[in-house]
Amino acid sequence: MNKCIITTILIVLAMLPVSYAQYNPFIKTTWRIDHIAPNGKAILIKEKWINISNGRAKFHFIQFEDNFNYQTGISCYNALGLYRVRENNIIELTTSDGAMSPDCKEPKNLSGSYYFKENNNILELSPLYEETPSGVDAISDATAAQTDSVIAVAPPAKEIKKKPIRKKRIKK
């Protein structure tokens, strides 16, 4: 009986890290970058895996190789990058400089943090922007920036000697 309980506890403890592991839908996938809007929003369409060592894609792609590395490019341009999937469907992308043919126009790269949403092999990436400070914070930040360059020290105030308080005597 004790062996069964101990075995069950060990199995449950072994399964906990697996249940809390971050789901990564990008491993071993290739996506065609269909459109990158001026505001940074991007639409990607799932494609078949590209064997990059044998040839280049005819379309603008991003290919996730494992849990950290990806490649991006077109037929005349190729760059490597790192990515990380975080909770709440957030992906962080960083791209290094790429190799490019002389007659090639460098495509737009995806770089930064994005919310991602996948639906029927279409991936939508929306840029994750940091919150802008409120009006009061912005004013105090601007004031602090102006006063940081010049440090003004006021002279110490003169001390006023305290005189003892005397009660007036009233004569009768």
C-alpha atoms as a PDB file:
ATOM      1  CA  MET A   1       0.000   0.000   0.000  1.00  0.00           C
ATOM      2  CA  ASN A   2       2.769   2.430   0.940  1.00  0.00           C
ATOM      3  CA  LYS A   3       4.616   1.637  -2.291  1.00  0.00           C
ATOM      4  CA  CYS A   4       1.513   2.572  -4.310  1.00  0.00           C
ATOM      5  CA  ILE A   5       1.133   5.898  -2.517  1.00  0.00           C
ATOM      6  CA  ILE A   6       4.820   6.754  -2.895  1.00  0.00           C
ATOM      7  CA  THR A   7       4.773   5.759  -6.582  1.00  0.00           C
ATOM      8  CA  THR A   8       1.676   7.887  -7.208  1.00  0.00           C
ATOM      9  CA  ILE A   9       3.231  10.895  -5.469  1.00  0.00           C
ATOM     10  CA  LEU A  10       6.446  10.517  -7.495  1.00  0.00           C
ATOM     11  CA  ILE A  11       4.507  10.304 -10.768  1.00  0.00           C
ATOM     12  CA  VAL A  12       2.497  13.429  -9.899  1.00  0.00           C
ATOM     13  CA  LEU A  13       5.667  15.313  -8.951  1.00  0.00           C
ATOM     14  CA  ALA A  14       7.326  14.229 -12.198  1.00  0.00           C
ATOM     15  CA  MET A  15       4.350  15.494 -14.236  1.00  0.00           C
ATOM     16  CA  LEU A  16       4.154  18.964 -12.625  1.00  0.00           C
ATOM     17  CA  PRO A  17       7.027  20.554 -14.592  1.00  0.00           C
ATOM     18  CA  VAL A  18       5.570  19.209 -17.828  1.00  0.00           C
ATOM     19  CA  SER A  19       2.153  20.689 -17.083  1.00  0.00           C
ATOM     20  CA  TYR A  20       3.681  24.108 -16.311  1.00  0.00           C
ATOM     21  CA  ALA A  21       5.985  24.158 -19.350  1.00  0.00           C
ATOM     22  CA  GLN A  22       5.369  26.991 -21.823  1.00  0.00           C
ATOM     23  CA  TYR A  23       3.623  25.857 -24.988  1.00  0.00           C
ATOM     24  CA  ASN A  24       5.624  26.833 -28.080  1.00  0.00           C
ATOM     25  CA  PRO A  25       3.632  26.525 -31.333  1.00  0.00           C
ATOM     26  CA  PHE A  26       6.535  27.772 -33.469  1.00  0.00           C
ATOM     27  CA  ILE A  27       9.077  24.918 -33.221  1.00  0.00           C
ATOM     28  CA  LYS A  28       9.900  23.465 -36.674  1.00  0.00           C
ATOM     29  CA  THR A  29       7.486  25.725 -38.546  1.00  0.00           C
ATOM     30  CA  THR A  30       7.881  28.006 -41.566  1.00  0.00           C
ATOM     31  CA  TRP A  31       5.764  31.093 -42.150  1.00  0.00           C
ATOM     32  CA  ARG A  32       5.418  33.307 -45.217  1.00  0.00           C
ATOM     33  CA  ILE A  33       5.424  36.956 -44.170  1.00  0.00           C
ATOM     34  CA  ASP A  34       2.430  38.152 -46.146  1.00  0.00           C
ATOM     35  CA  HIS A  35       2.248  41.748 -44.929  1.00  0.00           C
ATOM     36  CA  ILE A  36       3.903  44.079 -42.421  1.00  0.00           C
ATOM     37  CA  ALA A  37       1.855  47.250 -41.862  1.00  0.00           C
ATOM     38  CA  PRO A  38       3.460  50.628 -41.064  1.00  0.00           C
ATOM     39  CA  ASN A  39       2.216  50.291 -37.466  1.00  0.00           C
ATOM     40  CA  GLY A  40       4.205  47.025 -37.135  1.00  0.00           C
ATOM     41  CA  LYS A  41       1.277  44.598 -37.321  1.00  0.00           C
ATOM     42  CA  ALA A  42       2.149  41.532 -39.421  1.00  0.00           C
ATOM     43  CA  ILE A  43       0.216  38.723 -41.096  1.00  0.00           C
ATOM     44  CA  LEU A  44       2.013  35.385 -41.588  1.00  0.00           C
ATOM     45  CA  ILE A  45       0.756  32.305 -43.423  1.00  0.00           C
ATOM     46  CA  LYS A  46       1.995  28.808 -42.550  1.00  0.00           C
ATOM     47  CA  GLU A  47       4.085  27.103 -45.249  1.00  0.00           C
ATOM     48  CA  LYS A  48       5.920  23.808 -45.705  1.00  0.00           C
ATOM     49  CA  TRP A  49       9.346  23.433 -44.097  1.00  0.00           C
ATOM     50  CA  ILE A  50      12.182  24.851 -46.229  1.00  0.00           C
ATOM     51  CA  ASN A  51      15.506  23.043 -46.394  1.00  0.00           C
ATOM     52  CA  ILE A  52      17.603  26.220 -46.357  1.00  0.00           C
ATOM     53  CA  SER A  53      20.895  24.411 -47.024  1.00  0.00           C
ATOM     54  CA  ASN A  54      19.549  23.146 -50.393  1.00  0.00           C
ATOM     55  CA  GLY A  55      17.910  26.329 -51.611  1.00  0.00           C
ATOM     56  CA  ARG A  56      16.216  29.584 -50.863  1.00  0.00           C
ATOM     57  CA  ALA A  57      12.563  30.408 -50.609  1.00  0.00           C
ATOM     58  CA  LYS A  58      10.944  32.494 -53.322  1.00  0.00           C
ATOM     59  CA  PHE A  59       8.898  34.318 -50.693  1.00  0.00           C
ATOM     60  CA  HIS A  60       9.668  36.410 -47.580  1.00  0.00           C
ATOM     61  CA  PHE A  61       9.785  33.845 -44.777  1.00  0.00           C
ATOM     62  CA  ILE A  62      10.529  33.248 -41.127  1.00  0.00           C
ATOM     63  CA  GLN A  63      11.459  29.716 -40.099  1.00  0.00           C
ATOM     64  CA  PHE A  64      11.583  28.659 -36.455  1.00  0.00           C
ATOM     65  CA  GLU A  65      14.102  25.864 -36.017  1.00  0.00           C
ATOM     66  CA  ASP A  66      14.014  24.993 -32.327  1.00  0.00           C
ATOM     67  CA  ASN A  67      13.014  26.586 -29.042  1.00  0.00           C
ATOM     68  CA  PHE A  68      15.312  29.629 -29.530  1.00  0.00           C
ATOM     69  CA  ASN A  69      16.623  30.069 -33.106  1.00  0.00           C
ATOM     70  CA  TYR A  70      15.000  31.212 -36.314  1.00  0.00           C
ATOM     71  CA  GLN A  71      15.978  32.302 -39.814  1.00  0.00           C
ATOM     72  CA  THR A  72      14.329  34.910 -41.952  1.00  0.00           C
ATOM     73  CA  GLY A  73      14.788  36.193 -45.473  1.00  0.00           C
ATOM     74  CA  ILE A  74      13.982  35.857 -49.155  1.00  0.00           C
ATOM     75  CA  SER A  75      15.915  34.295 -52.042  1.00  0.00           C
ATOM     76  CA  CYS A  76      18.704  36.945 -51.962  1.00  0.00           C
ATOM     77  CA  TYR A  77      18.758  37.769 -48.230  1.00  0.00           C
ATOM     78  CA  ASN A  78      19.134  35.637 -45.110  1.00  0.00           C
ATOM     79  CA  ALA A  79      19.389  36.571 -41.418  1.00  0.00           C
ATOM     80  CA  LEU A  80      19.512  34.629 -38.173  1.00  0.00           C
ATOM     81  CA  GLY A  81      17.691  35.509 -34.997  1.00  0.00           C
ATOM     82  CA  LEU A  82      16.646  34.438 -31.548  1.00  0.00           C
ATOM     83  CA  TYR A  83      13.118  34.235 -30.189  1.00  0.00           C
ATOM     84  CA  ARG A  84      11.347  33.511 -26.944  1.00  0.00           C
ATOM     85  CA  VAL A  85       7.718  32.638 -26.316  1.00  0.00           C
ATOM     86  CA  ARG A  86       6.294  34.112 -23.118  1.00  0.00           C
ATOM     87  CA  GLU A  87       2.978  33.719 -21.338  1.00  0.00           C
ATOM     88  CA  ASN A  88      -0.151  35.493 -22.618  1.00  0.00           C
ATOM     89  CA  ASN A  89       0.728  34.688 -26.256  1.00  0.00           C
ATOM     90  CA  ILE A  90       3.719  37.014 -26.452  1.00  0.00           C
ATOM     91  CA  ILE A  91       6.730  36.338 -28.668  1.00  0.00           C
ATOM     92  CA  GLU A  92       9.992  38.297 -28.552  1.00  0.00           C
ATOM     93  CA  LEU A  93      12.086  38.410 -31.742  1.00  0.00           C
ATOM     94  CA  THR A  94      15.651  39.689 -32.167  1.00  0.00           C
ATOM     95  CA  THR A  95      17.386  39.592 -35.550  1.00  0.00           C
ATOM     96  CA  SER A  96      21.081  39.884 -36.310  1.00  0.00           C
ATOM     97  CA  ASP A  97      22.578  41.383 -39.471  1.00  0.00           C
ATOM     98  CA  GLY A  98      22.000  39.215 -42.498  1.00  0.00           C
ATOM     99  CA  ALA A  99      23.831  38.206 -45.653  1.00  0.00           C
ATOM    100  CA  MET A 100      22.517  39.867 -48.800  1.00  0.00           C
ATOM    101  CA  SER A 101      23.251  39.781 -52.545  1.00  0.00           C
ATOM    102  CA  PRO A 102      24.372  43.121 -54.058  1.00  0.00           C
ATOM    103  CA  ASP A 103      21.220  43.492 -56.187  1.00  0.00           C
ATOM    104  CA  CYS A 104      18.856  42.610 -53.334  1.00  0.00           C
ATOM    105  CA  LYS A 105      16.539  44.929 -51.448  1.00  0.00           C
ATOM    106  CA  GLU A 106      16.504  44.126 -47.729  1.00  0.00           C
ATOM    107  CA  PRO A 107      12.993  43.132 -46.602  1.00  0.00           C
ATOM    108  CA  LYS A 108      11.340  44.452 -43.466  1.00  0.00           C
ATOM    109  CA  ASN A 109      12.292  42.410 -40.435  1.00  0.00           C
ATOM    110  CA  LEU A 110      10.180  41.538 -37.462  1.00  0.00           C
ATOM    111  CA  SER A 111      11.943  42.633 -34.307  1.00  0.00           C
ATOM    112  CA  GLY A 112      10.629  43.315 -30.821  1.00  0.00           C
ATOM    113  CA  SER A 113       7.776  41.916 -28.754  1.00  0.00           C
ATOM    114  CA  TYR A 114       4.461  40.911 -30.315  1.00  0.00           C
ATOM    115  CA  TYR A 115       1.143  39.469 -29.243  1.00  0.00           C
ATOM    116  CA  PHE A 116       0.419  36.478 -31.461  1.00  0.00           C
ATOM    117  CA  LYS A 117      -2.866  34.888 -32.476  1.00  0.00           C
ATOM    118  CA  GLU A 118      -3.079  31.850 -34.752  1.00  0.00           C
ATOM    119  CA  ASN A 119      -6.240  30.938 -36.617  1.00  0.00           C
ATOM    120  CA  ASN A 120      -6.422  28.374 -39.460  1.00  0.00           C
ATOM    121  CA  ASN A 121      -2.677  28.528 -40.273  1.00  0.00           C
ATOM    122  CA  ILE A 122      -2.716  32.336 -40.312  1.00  0.00           C
ATOM    123  CA  LEU A 123      -0.645  34.051 -37.657  1.00  0.00           C
ATOM    124  CA  GLU A 124      -1.340  37.636 -36.657  1.00  0.00           C
ATOM    125  CA  LEU A 125       1.428  39.528 -34.838  1.00  0.00           C
ATOM    126  CA  SER A 126       0.546  42.785 -33.094  1.00  0.00           C
ATOM    127  CA  PRO A 127       3.367  44.898 -31.633  1.00  0.00           C
ATOM    128  CA  LEU A 128       3.505  45.085 -27.868  1.00  0.00           C
ATOM    129  CA  TYR A 129       4.080  48.685 -26.880  1.00  0.00           C
ATOM    130  CA  GLU A 130       5.044  49.863 -23.412  1.00  0.00           C
ATOM    131  CA  GLU A 131       2.502  52.044 -21.687  1.00  0.00           C
ATOM    132  CA  THR A 132       3.020  55.742 -22.195  1.00  0.00           C
ATOM    133  CA  PRO A 133       3.226  57.750 -18.997  1.00  0.00           C
ATOM    134  CA  SER A 134       0.213  59.723 -17.872  1.00  0.00           C
ATOM    135  CA  GLY A 135       0.194  63.519 -18.264  1.00  0.00           C
ATOM    136  CA  VAL A 136       1.434  64.136 -14.727  1.00  0.00           C
ATOM    137  CA  ASP A 137       4.227  61.565 -15.103  1.00  0.00           C
ATOM    138  CA  ALA A 138       5.251  63.021 -18.454  1.00  0.00           C
ATOM    139  CA  ILE A 139       5.456  66.540 -16.982  1.00  0.00           C
ATOM    140  CA  SER A 140       7.470  65.391 -13.968  1.00  0.00           C
ATOM    141  CA  ASP A 141       9.782  63.376 -16.247  1.00  0.00           C
ATOM    142  CA  ALA A 142      10.335  66.425 -18.469  1.00  0.00           C
ATOM    143  CA  THR A 143      11.002  68.642 -15.447  1.00  0.00           C
ATOM    144  CA  ALA A 144      13.411  66.084 -14.017  1.00  0.00           C
ATOM    145  CA  ALA A 145      15.219  65.879 -17.350  1.00  0.00           C
ATOM    146  CA  GLN A 146      15.652  69.659 -17.429  1.00  0.00           C
ATOM    147  CA  THR A 147      16.886  69.933 -13.843  1.00  0.00           C
ATOM    148  CA  ASP A 148      19.238  66.944 -14.088  1.00  0.00           C
ATOM    149  CA  SER A 149      21.714  68.910 -16.178  1.00  0.00           C
ATOM    150  CA  VAL A 150      21.994  71.834 -13.747  1.00  0.00           C
ATOM    151  CA  ILE A 151      22.196  71.215 -10.056  1.00  0.00           C
ATOM    152  CA  ALA A 152      21.183  74.295  -8.119  1.00  0.00           C
ATOM    153  CA  VAL A 153      21.994  74.400  -4.454  1.00  0.00           C
ATOM    154  CA  ALA A 154      20.142  76.980  -2.388  1.00  0.00           C
ATOM    155  CA  PRO A 155      22.071  78.698   0.407  1.00  0.00           C
ATOM    156  CA  PRO A 156      21.108  77.524   3.872  1.00  0.00           C
ATOM    157  CA  ALA A 157      18.389  79.530   5.547  1.00  0.00           C
ATOM    158  CA  LYS A 158      19.358  81.818   8.412  1.00  0.00           C
ATOM    159  CA  GLU A 159      18.491  80.427  11.748  1.00  0.00           C
ATOM    160  CA  ILE A 160      16.137  82.532  13.803  1.00  0.00           C
ATOM    161  CA  LYS A 161      16.897  82.474  17.459  1.00  0.00           C
ATOM    162  CA  LYS A 162      13.918  81.557  19.453  1.00  0.00           C
ATOM    163  CA  LYS A 163      13.164  84.049  22.173  1.00  0.00           C
ATOM    164  CA  PRO A 164      11.577  82.780  25.311  1.00  0.00           C
ATOM    165  CA  ILE A 165       7.909  83.477  25.511  1.00  0.00           C
ATOM    166  CA  ARG A 166       7.127  85.835  28.358  1.00  0.00           C
ATOM    167  CA  LYS A 167       3.754  86.419  29.746  1.00  0.00           C
ATOM    168  CA  LYS A 168       2.785  90.014  30.288  1.00  0.00           C
ATOM    169  CA  ARG A 169       1.846  90.900  33.779  1.00  0.00           C
ATOM    170  CA  ILE A 170      -1.220  92.911  34.212  1.00  0.00           C
ATOM    171  CA  LYS A 171      -1.118  95.305  37.163  1.00  0.00           C
ATOM    172  CA  LYS A 172      -4.222  95.942  39.131  1.00  0.00           C
END
